[in-house]
Amino acid sequence: GMRAITYLANNRPDLILLDYEMPVTDGPQVLKMIRDDSS
């Protein structure tokens, strides 16, 4: 999840396919971070 957030800091894909169950930072947490960031 954190590698995804790092990638999104400099890239804007047209779609994200996100695993729901992941260790450390799971899919729901990543989705929240994506939605909370205006960019």
PDB file of all heavy atoms in Angstrom:
ATOM      1  N   GLY A   1       0.805  -1.213   0.000  1.00  0.00           N
ATOM      2  CA  GLY A   1       0.000   0.000   0.000  1.00  0.00           C
ATOM      3  C   GLY A   1       0.836   1.260   0.000  1.00  0.00           C
ATOM      4  O   GLY A   1       0.543   2.229  -0.712  1.00  0.00           O
ATOM      5  N   MET A   2       1.909   1.278   0.781  1.00  0.00           N
ATOM      6  CA  MET A   2       2.729   2.481   0.863  1.00  0.00           C
ATOM      7  C   MET A   2       3.519   2.717  -0.423  1.00  0.00           C
ATOM      8  O   MET A   2       3.771   3.868  -0.796  1.00  0.00           O
ATOM      9  CB  MET A   2       3.676   2.397   2.068  1.00  0.00           C
ATOM     10  CG  MET A   2       2.947   2.461   3.407  1.00  0.00           C
ATOM     11  SD  MET A   2       1.663   3.756   3.502  1.00  0.00           S
ATOM     12  CE  MET A   2       2.635   5.246   3.245  1.00  0.00           C
ATOM     13  N   ARG A   3       3.915   1.643  -1.091  1.00  0.00           N
ATOM     14  CA  ARG A   3       4.574   1.824  -2.393  1.00  0.00           C
ATOM     15  C   ARG A   3       3.600   2.456  -3.393  1.00  0.00           C
ATOM     16  O   ARG A   3       3.994   3.252  -4.247  1.00  0.00           O
ATOM     17  CB  ARG A   3       5.097   0.491  -2.921  1.00  0.00           C
ATOM     18  CG  ARG A   3       6.394   0.006  -2.270  1.00  0.00           C
ATOM     19  CD  ARG A   3       6.904  -1.263  -2.922  1.00  0.00           C
ATOM     20  NE  ARG A   3       8.132  -1.708  -2.307  1.00  0.00           N
ATOM     21  CZ  ARG A   3       9.353  -1.311  -2.647  1.00  0.00           C
ATOM     22  NH1 ARG A   3       9.492  -0.425  -3.624  1.00  0.00           N
ATOM     23  NH2 ARG A   3      10.421  -1.778  -2.042  1.00  0.00           N
ATOM     24  N   ALA A   4       2.339   2.081  -3.297  1.00  0.00           N
ATOM     25  CA  ALA A   4       1.326   2.667  -4.170  1.00  0.00           C
ATOM     26  C   ALA A   4       1.184   4.164  -3.909  1.00  0.00           C
ATOM     27  O   ALA A   4       1.129   4.973  -4.843  1.00  0.00           O
ATOM     28  CB  ALA A   4      -0.013   1.964  -3.961  1.00  0.00           C
ATOM     29  N   ILE A   5       1.132   4.541  -2.627  1.00  0.00           N
ATOM     30  CA  ILE A   5       1.008   5.955  -2.273  1.00  0.00           C
ATOM     31  C   ILE A   5       2.224   6.740  -2.756  1.00  0.00           C
ATOM     32  O   ILE A   5       2.107   7.866  -3.260  1.00  0.00           O
ATOM     33  CB  ILE A   5       0.836   6.121  -0.745  1.00  0.00           C
ATOM     34  CG1 ILE A   5      -0.482   5.476  -0.292  1.00  0.00           C
ATOM     35  CG2 ILE A   5       0.882   7.585  -0.352  1.00  0.00           C
ATOM     36  CD1 ILE A   5      -1.728   6.043  -0.926  1.00  0.00           C
ATOM     37  N   THR A   6       3.413   6.144  -2.624  1.00  0.00           N
ATOM     38  CA  THR A   6       4.638   6.794  -3.116  1.00  0.00           C
ATOM     39  C   THR A   6       4.577   6.987  -4.623  1.00  0.00           C
ATOM     40  O   THR A   6       4.941   8.050  -5.151  1.00  0.00           O
ATOM     41  CB  THR A   6       5.872   5.945  -2.748  1.00  0.00           C
ATOM     42  OG1 THR A   6       5.948   5.817  -1.329  1.00  0.00           O
ATOM     43  CG2 THR A   6       7.147   6.590  -3.272  1.00  0.00           C
ATOM     44  N   TYR A   7       4.104   5.970  -5.334  1.00  0.00           N
ATOM     45  CA  TYR A   7       3.975   6.057  -6.795  1.00  0.00           C
ATOM     46  C   TYR A   7       3.021   7.184  -7.175  1.00  0.00           C
ATOM     47  O   TYR A   7       3.278   7.955  -8.115  1.00  0.00           O
ATOM     48  CB  TYR A   7       3.472   4.716  -7.341  1.00  0.00           C
ATOM     49  CG  TYR A   7       3.202   4.717  -8.825  1.00  0.00           C
ATOM     50  CD1 TYR A   7       4.217   4.459  -9.738  1.00  0.00           C
ATOM     51  CD2 TYR A   7       1.927   4.980  -9.321  1.00  0.00           C
ATOM     52  CE1 TYR A   7       3.978   4.468 -11.109  1.00  0.00           C
ATOM     53  CE2 TYR A   7       1.674   4.989 -10.682  1.00  0.00           C
ATOM     54  CZ  TYR A   7       2.698   4.726 -11.573  1.00  0.00           C
ATOM     55  OH  TYR A   7       2.449   4.740 -12.933  1.00  0.00           O
ATOM     56  N   LEU A   8       1.920   7.303  -6.456  1.00  0.00           N
ATOM     57  CA  LEU A   8       0.902   8.302  -6.781  1.00  0.00           C
ATOM     58  C   LEU A   8       1.362   9.731  -6.518  1.00  0.00           C
ATOM     59  O   LEU A   8       0.758  10.680  -7.004  1.00  0.00           O
ATOM     60  CB  LEU A   8      -0.379   8.014  -5.993  1.00  0.00           C
ATOM     61  CG  LEU A   8      -1.113   6.728  -6.384  1.00  0.00           C
ATOM     62  CD1 LEU A   8      -2.255   6.446  -5.409  1.00  0.00           C
ATOM     63  CD2 LEU A   8      -1.646   6.821  -7.810  1.00  0.00           C
ATOM     64  N   ALA A   9       2.439   9.878  -5.773  1.00  0.00           N
ATOM     65  CA  ALA A   9       2.968  11.216  -5.521  1.00  0.00           C
ATOM     66  C   ALA A   9       3.474  11.862  -6.803  1.00  0.00           C
ATOM     67  O   ALA A   9       3.471  13.097  -6.933  1.00  0.00           O
ATOM     68  CB  ALA A   9       4.089  11.162  -4.485  1.00  0.00           C
ATOM     69  N   ASN A  10       3.890  11.039  -7.776  1.00  0.00           N
ATOM     70  CA  ASN A  10       4.452  11.567  -9.022  1.00  0.00           C
ATOM     71  C   ASN A  10       3.758  11.056 -10.276  1.00  0.00           C
ATOM     72  O   ASN A  10       4.153  11.420 -11.389  1.00  0.00           O
ATOM     73  CB  ASN A  10       5.941  11.209  -9.115  1.00  0.00           C
ATOM     74  CG  ASN A  10       6.758  11.813  -8.000  1.00  0.00           C
ATOM     75  OD1 ASN A  10       6.791  13.034  -7.846  1.00  0.00           O
ATOM     76  ND2 ASN A  10       7.407  10.976  -7.202  1.00  0.00           N
ATOM     77  N   ASN A  11       2.740  10.226 -10.111  1.00  0.00           N
ATOM     78  CA  ASN A  11       2.070   9.643 -11.267  1.00  0.00           C
ATOM     79  C   ASN A  11       0.561   9.643 -11.051  1.00  0.00           C
ATOM     80  O   ASN A  11       0.079   9.538  -9.917  1.00  0.00           O
ATOM     81  CB  ASN A  11       2.541   8.195 -11.488  1.00  0.00           C
ATOM     82  CG  ASN A  11       4.034   8.108 -11.723  1.00  0.00           C
ATOM     83  OD1 ASN A  11       4.517   8.283 -12.837  1.00  0.00           O
ATOM     84  ND2 ASN A  11       4.784   7.845 -10.656  1.00  0.00           N
ATOM     85  N   ARG A  12      -0.180   9.730 -12.148  1.00  0.00           N
ATOM     86  CA  ARG A  12      -1.639   9.740 -12.059  1.00  0.00           C
ATOM     87  C   ARG A  12      -2.204   8.707 -13.037  1.00  0.00           C
ATOM     88  O   ARG A  12      -2.438   9.019 -14.213  1.00  0.00           O
ATOM     89  CB  ARG A  12      -2.189  11.124 -12.358  1.00  0.00           C
ATOM     90  CG  ARG A  12      -3.696  11.222 -12.166  1.00  0.00           C
ATOM     91  CD  ARG A  12      -4.226  12.611 -12.480  1.00  0.00           C
ATOM     92  NE  ARG A  12      -5.673  12.627 -12.436  1.00  0.00           N
ATOM     93  CZ  ARG A  12      -6.390  12.762 -11.328  1.00  0.00           C
ATOM     94  NH1 ARG A  12      -5.783  12.900 -10.165  1.00  0.00           N
ATOM     95  NH2 ARG A  12      -7.708  12.762 -11.380  1.00  0.00           N
ATOM     96  N   PRO A  13      -2.439   7.481 -12.577  1.00  0.00           N
ATOM     97  CA  PRO A  13      -3.012   6.460 -13.453  1.00  0.00           C
ATOM     98  C   PRO A  13      -4.492   6.740 -13.733  1.00  0.00           C
ATOM     99  O   PRO A  13      -5.153   7.497 -13.010  1.00  0.00           O
ATOM    100  CB  PRO A  13      -2.840   5.172 -12.643  1.00  0.00           C
ATOM    101  CG  PRO A  13      -2.850   5.633 -11.219  1.00  0.00           C
ATOM    102  CD  PRO A  13      -2.172   6.970 -11.219  1.00  0.00           C
ATOM    103  N   ASP A  14      -5.009   6.128 -14.789  1.00  0.00           N
ATOM    104  CA  ASP A  14      -6.423   6.266 -15.118  1.00  0.00           C
ATOM    105  C   ASP A  14      -7.290   5.358 -14.249  1.00  0.00           C
ATOM    106  O   ASP A  14      -8.493   5.586 -14.128  1.00  0.00           O
ATOM    107  CB  ASP A  14      -6.655   5.923 -16.598  1.00  0.00           C
ATOM    108  CG  ASP A  14      -5.957   6.911 -17.520  1.00  0.00           C
ATOM    109  OD1 ASP A  14      -6.267   8.108 -17.437  1.00  0.00           O
ATOM    110  OD2 ASP A  14      -5.094   6.481 -18.305  1.00  0.00           O
ATOM    111  N   LEU A  15      -6.672   4.339 -13.666  1.00  0.00           N
ATOM    112  CA  LEU A  15      -7.403   3.393 -12.818  1.00  0.00           C
ATOM    113  C   LEU A  15      -6.437   2.717 -11.857  1.00  0.00           C
ATOM    114  O   LEU A  15      -5.294   2.427 -12.218  1.00  0.00           O
ATOM    115  CB  LEU A  15      -8.098   2.334 -13.690  1.00  0.00           C
ATOM    116  CG  LEU A  15      -8.782   1.160 -12.984  1.00  0.00           C
ATOM    117  CD1 LEU A  15      -9.952   1.645 -12.133  1.00  0.00           C
ATOM    118  CD2 LEU A  15      -9.252   0.128 -13.999  1.00  0.00           C
ATOM    119  N   ILE A  16      -6.911   2.457 -10.639  1.00  0.00           N
ATOM    120  CA  ILE A  16      -6.133   1.693  -9.664  1.00  0.00           C
ATOM    121  C   ILE A  16      -6.879   0.409  -9.356  1.00  0.00           C
ATOM    122  O   ILE A  16      -8.068   0.438  -9.005  1.00  0.00           O
ATOM    123  CB  ILE A  16      -5.923   2.483  -8.354  1.00  0.00           C
ATOM    124  CG1 ILE A  16      -5.173   3.785  -8.627  1.00  0.00           C
ATOM    125  CG2 ILE A  16      -5.159   1.637  -7.330  1.00  0.00           C
ATOM    126  CD1 ILE A  16      -5.103   4.721  -7.429  1.00  0.00           C
ATOM    127  N   LEU A  17      -6.206  -0.724  -9.521  1.00  0.00           N
ATOM    128  CA  LEU A  17      -6.742  -2.016  -9.108  1.00  0.00           C
ATOM    129  C   LEU A  17      -6.081  -2.350  -7.778  1.00  0.00           C
ATOM    130  O   LEU A  17      -4.862  -2.577  -7.720  1.00  0.00           O
ATOM    131  CB  LEU A  17      -6.443  -3.101 -10.149  1.00  0.00           C
ATOM    132  CG  LEU A  17      -7.050  -2.887 -11.545  1.00  0.00           C
ATOM    133  CD1 LEU A  17      -6.676  -4.037 -12.470  1.00  0.00           C
ATOM    134  CD2 LEU A  17      -8.567  -2.749 -11.474  1.00  0.00           C
ATOM    135  N   LEU A  18      -6.859  -2.350  -6.706  1.00  0.00           N
ATOM    136  CA  LEU A  18      -6.308  -2.373  -5.346  1.00  0.00           C
ATOM    137  C   LEU A  18      -6.720  -3.636  -4.591  1.00  0.00           C
ATOM    138  O   LEU A  18      -7.919  -3.907  -4.420  1.00  0.00           O
ATOM    139  CB  LEU A  18      -6.797  -1.128  -4.596  1.00  0.00           C
ATOM    140  CG  LEU A  18      -6.408  -0.961  -3.135  1.00  0.00           C
ATOM    141  CD1 LEU A  18      -4.896  -0.868  -2.982  1.00  0.00           C
ATOM    142  CD2 LEU A  18      -7.075   0.294  -2.566  1.00  0.00           C
ATOM    143  N   ASP A  19      -5.729  -4.392  -4.139  1.00  0.00           N
ATOM    144  CA  ASP A  19      -5.990  -5.577  -3.321  1.00  0.00           C
ATOM    145  C   ASP A  19      -6.682  -5.158  -2.029  1.00  0.00           C
ATOM    146  O   ASP A  19      -6.270  -4.202  -1.368  1.00  0.00           O
ATOM    147  CB  ASP A  19      -4.666  -6.285  -3.025  1.00  0.00           C
ATOM    148  CG  ASP A  19      -4.864  -7.614  -2.299  1.00  0.00           C
ATOM    149  OD1 ASP A  19      -6.003  -8.126  -2.284  1.00  0.00           O
ATOM    150  OD2 ASP A  19      -3.878  -8.128  -1.743  1.00  0.00           O
ATOM    151  N   TYR A  20      -7.734  -5.880  -1.664  1.00  0.00           N
ATOM    152  CA  TYR A  20      -8.486  -5.540  -0.458  1.00  0.00           C
ATOM    153  C   TYR A  20      -7.725  -5.938   0.805  1.00  0.00           C
ATOM    154  O   TYR A  20      -7.663  -5.192   1.769  1.00  0.00           O
ATOM    155  CB  TYR A  20      -9.851  -6.231  -0.485  1.00  0.00           C
ATOM    156  CG  TYR A  20     -10.762  -5.828   0.649  1.00  0.00           C
ATOM    157  CD1 TYR A  20     -11.458  -4.618   0.594  1.00  0.00           C
ATOM    158  CD2 TYR A  20     -10.936  -6.642   1.758  1.00  0.00           C
ATOM    159  CE1 TYR A  20     -12.291  -4.230   1.631  1.00  0.00           C
ATOM    160  CE2 TYR A  20     -11.777  -6.265   2.795  1.00  0.00           C
ATOM    161  CZ  TYR A  20     -12.449  -5.060   2.738  1.00  0.00           C
ATOM    162  OH  TYR A  20     -13.271  -4.681   3.759  1.00  0.00           O
ATOM    163  N   GLU A  21      -7.119  -7.134   0.773  1.00  0.00           N
ATOM    164  CA  GLU A  21      -6.417  -7.646   1.957  1.00  0.00           C
ATOM    165  C   GLU A  21      -4.910  -7.633   1.733  1.00  0.00           C
ATOM    166  O   GLU A  21      -4.392  -8.383   0.918  1.00  0.00           O
ATOM    167  CB  GLU A  21      -6.888  -9.070   2.270  1.00  0.00           C
ATOM    168  CG  GLU A  21      -8.349  -9.156   2.670  1.00  0.00           C
ATOM    169  CD  GLU A  21      -8.767 -10.570   3.026  1.00  0.00           C
ATOM    170  OE1 GLU A  21      -8.651 -11.442   2.144  1.00  0.00           O
ATOM    171  OE2 GLU A  21      -9.197 -10.796   4.162  1.00  0.00           O
ATOM    172  N   MET A  22      -4.220  -6.755   2.468  1.00  0.00           N
ATOM    173  CA  MET A  22      -2.763  -6.672   2.404  1.00  0.00           C
ATOM    174  C   MET A  22      -2.231  -6.455   3.815  1.00  0.00           C
ATOM    175  O   MET A  22      -2.906  -5.832   4.643  1.00  0.00           O
ATOM    176  CB  MET A  22      -2.303  -5.519   1.501  1.00  0.00           C
ATOM    177  CG  MET A  22      -2.573  -5.709   0.028  1.00  0.00           C
ATOM    178  SD  MET A  22      -1.842  -4.375  -0.981  1.00  0.00           S
ATOM    179  CE  MET A  22      -2.838  -2.967  -0.446  1.00  0.00           C
ATOM    180  N   PRO A  23      -1.017  -6.923   4.095  1.00  0.00           N
ATOM    181  CA  PRO A  23      -0.428  -6.680   5.423  1.00  0.00           C
ATOM    182  C   PRO A  23      -0.017  -5.222   5.597  1.00  0.00           C
ATOM    183  O   PRO A  23       0.167  -4.498   4.622  1.00  0.00           O
ATOM    184  CB  PRO A  23       0.793  -7.609   5.429  1.00  0.00           C
ATOM    185  CG  PRO A  23       1.153  -7.775   3.979  1.00  0.00           C
ATOM    186  CD  PRO A  23      -0.149  -7.747   3.236  1.00  0.00           C
ATOM    187  N   VAL A  24       0.146  -4.807   6.823  1.00  0.00           N
ATOM    188  CA  VAL A  24       0.594  -3.464   7.219  1.00  0.00           C
ATOM    189  C   VAL A  24      -0.434  -2.397   6.835  1.00  0.00           C
ATOM    190  O   VAL A  24      -1.130  -1.852   7.683  1.00  0.00           O
ATOM    191  CB  VAL A  24       1.987  -3.114   6.636  1.00  0.00           C
ATOM    192  CG1 VAL A  24       2.454  -1.771   7.200  1.00  0.00           C
ATOM    193  CG2 VAL A  24       2.987  -4.216   6.949  1.00  0.00           C
ATOM    194  N   THR A  25      -0.504  -2.061   5.549  1.00  0.00           N
ATOM    195  CA  THR A  25      -1.472  -1.067   5.077  1.00  0.00           C
ATOM    196  C   THR A  25      -2.412  -1.761   4.097  1.00  0.00           C
ATOM    197  O   THR A  25      -2.028  -2.054   2.967  1.00  0.00           O
ATOM    198  CB  THR A  25      -0.769   0.119   4.381  1.00  0.00           C
ATOM    199  OG1 THR A  25       0.276   0.623   5.222  1.00  0.00           O
ATOM    200  CG2 THR A  25      -1.754   1.233   4.080  1.00  0.00           C
ATOM    201  N   ASP A  26      -3.639  -2.035   4.538  1.00  0.00           N
ATOM    202  CA  ASP A  26      -4.544  -2.812   3.689  1.00  0.00           C
ATOM    203  C   ASP A  26      -5.268  -1.916   2.682  1.00  0.00           C
ATOM    204  O   ASP A  26      -5.130  -0.684   2.680  1.00  0.00           O
ATOM    205  CB  ASP A  26      -5.536  -3.610   4.535  1.00  0.00           C
ATOM    206  CG  ASP A  26      -6.446  -2.716   5.381  1.00  0.00           C
ATOM    207  OD1 ASP A  26      -6.557  -1.515   5.085  1.00  0.00           O
ATOM    208  OD2 ASP A  26      -7.054  -3.245   6.339  1.00  0.00           O
ATOM    209  N   GLY A  27      -6.074  -2.558   1.830  1.00  0.00           N
ATOM    210  CA  GLY A  27      -6.768  -1.837   0.773  1.00  0.00           C
ATOM    211  C   GLY A  27      -7.652  -0.709   1.266  1.00  0.00           C
ATOM    212  O   GLY A  27      -7.579   0.421   0.731  1.00  0.00           O
ATOM    213  N   PRO A  28      -8.510  -0.939   2.268  1.00  0.00           N
ATOM    214  CA  PRO A  28      -9.353   0.146   2.774  1.00  0.00           C
ATOM    215  C   PRO A  28      -8.549   1.355   3.266  1.00  0.00           C
ATOM    216  O   PRO A  28      -8.948   2.503   3.054  1.00  0.00           O
ATOM    217  CB  PRO A  28     -10.110  -0.529   3.921  1.00  0.00           C
ATOM    218  CG  PRO A  28     -10.217  -1.957   3.497  1.00  0.00           C
ATOM    219  CD  PRO A  28      -8.913  -2.247   2.818  1.00  0.00           C
ATOM    220  N   GLN A  29      -7.413   1.099   3.926  1.00  0.00           N
ATOM    221  CA  GLN A  29      -6.578   2.209   4.392  1.00  0.00           C
ATOM    222  C   GLN A  29      -6.003   2.993   3.217  1.00  0.00           C
ATOM    223  O   GLN A  29      -5.948   4.224   3.239  1.00  0.00           O
ATOM    224  CB  GLN A  29      -5.446   1.677   5.267  1.00  0.00           C
ATOM    225  CG  GLN A  29      -5.880   1.153   6.623  1.00  0.00           C
ATOM    226  CD  GLN A  29      -4.722   0.509   7.381  1.00  0.00           C
ATOM    227  OE1 GLN A  29      -4.152  -0.485   6.941  1.00  0.00           O
ATOM    228  NE2 GLN A  29      -4.370   1.087   8.514  1.00  0.00           N
ATOM    229  N   VAL A  30      -5.562   2.255   2.197  1.00  0.00           N
ATOM    230  CA  VAL A  30      -5.004   2.914   1.006  1.00  0.00           C
ATOM    231  C   VAL A  30      -6.084   3.736   0.315  1.00  0.00           C
ATOM    232  O   VAL A  30      -5.846   4.882  -0.097  1.00  0.00           O
ATOM    233  CB  VAL A  30      -4.405   1.873   0.031  1.00  0.00           C
ATOM    234  CG1 VAL A  30      -3.941   2.562  -1.256  1.00  0.00           C
ATOM    235  CG2 VAL A  30      -3.248   1.130   0.675  1.00  0.00           C
ATOM    236  N   LEU A  31      -7.285   3.172   0.183  1.00  0.00           N
ATOM    237  CA  LEU A  31      -8.386   3.900  -0.446  1.00  0.00           C
ATOM    238  C   LEU A  31      -8.675   5.193   0.307  1.00  0.00           C
ATOM    239  O   LEU A  31      -8.891   6.248  -0.304  1.00  0.00           O
ATOM    240  CB  LEU A  31      -9.640   3.029  -0.495  1.00  0.00           C
ATOM    241  CG  LEU A  31     -10.887   3.700  -1.082  1.00  0.00           C
ATOM    242  CD1 LEU A  31     -10.656   4.109  -2.531  1.00  0.00           C
ATOM    243  CD2 LEU A  31     -12.100   2.780  -0.980  1.00  0.00           C
ATOM    244  N   LYS A  32      -8.672   5.134   1.637  1.00  0.00           N
ATOM    245  CA  LYS A  32      -8.929   6.340   2.439  1.00  0.00           C
ATOM    246  C   LYS A  32      -7.859   7.397   2.174  1.00  0.00           C
ATOM    247  O   LYS A  32      -8.170   8.588   2.023  1.00  0.00           O
ATOM    248  CB  LYS A  32      -8.969   5.995   3.922  1.00  0.00           C
ATOM    249  CG  LYS A  32      -9.353   7.182   4.811  1.00  0.00           C
ATOM    250  CD  LYS A  32      -9.439   6.779   6.274  1.00  0.00           C
ATOM    251  CE  LYS A  32      -9.989   7.927   7.114  1.00  0.00           C
ATOM    252  NZ  LYS A  32      -9.239   9.183   6.961  1.00  0.00           N
ATOM    253  N   MET A  33      -6.587   6.973   2.103  1.00  0.00           N
ATOM    254  CA  MET A  33      -5.510   7.928   1.843  1.00  0.00           C
ATOM    255  C   MET A  33      -5.658   8.558   0.461  1.00  0.00           C
ATOM    256  O   MET A  33      -5.409   9.756   0.279  1.00  0.00           O
ATOM    257  CB  MET A  33      -4.148   7.243   1.988  1.00  0.00           C
ATOM    258  CG  MET A  33      -3.756   6.977   3.428  1.00  0.00           C
ATOM    259  SD  MET A  33      -2.043   6.380   3.601  1.00  0.00           S
ATOM    260  CE  MET A  33      -2.251   4.645   3.212  1.00  0.00           C
ATOM    261  N   ILE A  34      -6.077   7.757  -0.501  1.00  0.00           N
ATOM    262  CA  ILE A  34      -6.278   8.258  -1.864  1.00  0.00           C
ATOM    263  C   ILE A  34      -7.407   9.281  -1.883  1.00  0.00           C
ATOM    264  O   ILE A  34      -7.299  10.353  -2.481  1.00  0.00           O
ATOM    265  CB  ILE A  34      -6.573   7.097  -2.833  1.00  0.00           C
ATOM    266  CG1 ILE A  34      -5.323   6.230  -3.026  1.00  0.00           C
ATOM    267  CG2 ILE A  34      -7.069   7.618  -4.186  1.00  0.00           C
ATOM    268  CD1 ILE A  34      -5.573   4.942  -3.781  1.00  0.00           C
ATOM    269  N   ARG A  35      -8.503   8.955  -1.203  1.00  0.00           N
ATOM    270  CA  ARG A  35      -9.670   9.841  -1.207  1.00  0.00           C
ATOM    271  C   ARG A  35      -9.438  11.113  -0.389  1.00  0.00           C
ATOM    272  O   ARG A  35     -10.024  12.162  -0.682  1.00  0.00           O
ATOM    273  CB  ARG A  35     -10.888   9.093  -0.671  1.00  0.00           C
ATOM    274  CG  ARG A  35     -11.349   7.948  -1.566  1.00  0.00           C
ATOM    275  CD  ARG A  35     -11.968   8.461  -2.849  1.00  0.00           C
ATOM    276  NE  ARG A  35     -12.452   7.362  -3.686  1.00  0.00           N
ATOM    277  CZ  ARG A  35     -11.877   6.973  -4.819  1.00  0.00           C
ATOM    278  NH1 ARG A  35     -10.792   7.609  -5.238  1.00  0.00           N
ATOM    279  NH2 ARG A  35     -12.381   5.984  -5.530  1.00  0.00           N
ATOM    280  N   ASP A  36      -8.579  11.042   0.616  1.00  0.00           N
ATOM    281  CA  ASP A  36      -8.314  12.204   1.466  1.00  0.00           C
ATOM    282  C   ASP A  36      -7.327  13.186   0.845  1.00  0.00           C
ATOM    283  O   ASP A  36      -7.195  14.322   1.327  1.00  0.00           O
ATOM    284  CB  ASP A  36      -7.775  11.758   2.831  1.00  0.00           C
ATOM    285  CG  ASP A  36      -8.845  11.113   3.704  1.00  0.00           C
ATOM    286  OD1 ASP A  36     -10.041  11.248   3.370  1.00  0.00           O
ATOM    287  OD2 ASP A  36      -8.483  10.467   4.702  1.00  0.00           O
ATOM    288  N   ASP A  37      -6.639  12.766  -0.207  1.00  0.00           N
ATOM    289  CA  ASP A  37      -5.644  13.620  -0.859  1.00  0.00           C
ATOM    290  C   ASP A  37      -6.290  14.303  -2.067  1.00  0.00           C
ATOM    291  O   ASP A  37      -6.810  13.645  -2.959  1.00  0.00           O
ATOM    292  CB  ASP A  37      -4.451  12.766  -1.307  1.00  0.00           C
ATOM    293  CG  ASP A  37      -3.277  13.614  -1.794  1.00  0.00           C
ATOM    294  OD1 ASP A  37      -3.512  14.678  -2.392  1.00  0.00           O
ATOM    295  OD2 ASP A  37      -2.132  13.197  -1.584  1.00  0.00           O
ATOM    296  N   SER A  38      -6.253  15.623  -2.100  1.00  0.00           N
ATOM    297  CA  SER A  38      -6.918  16.373  -3.178  1.00  0.00           C
ATOM    298  C   SER A  38      -6.337  16.073  -4.553  1.00  0.00           C
ATOM    299  O   SER A  38      -7.021  16.224  -5.568  1.00  0.00           O
ATOM    300  CB  SER A  38      -6.820  17.885  -2.899  1.00  0.00           C
ATOM    301  OG  SER A  38      -5.460  18.298  -2.842  1.00  0.00           O
ATOM    302  N   SER A  39      -5.086  15.633  -4.595  1.00  0.00           N
ATOM    303  CA  SER A  39      -4.454  15.359  -5.889  1.00  0.00           C
ATOM    304  C   SER A  39      -4.811  13.980  -6.441  1.00  0.00           C
ATOM    305  O   SER A  39      -4.583  13.699  -7.622  1.00  0.00           O
ATOM    306  CB  SER A  39      -2.933  15.486  -5.779  1.00  0.00           C
ATOM    307  OG  SER A  39      -2.395  14.482  -4.935  1.00  0.00           O
TER     308      SER A  39
END
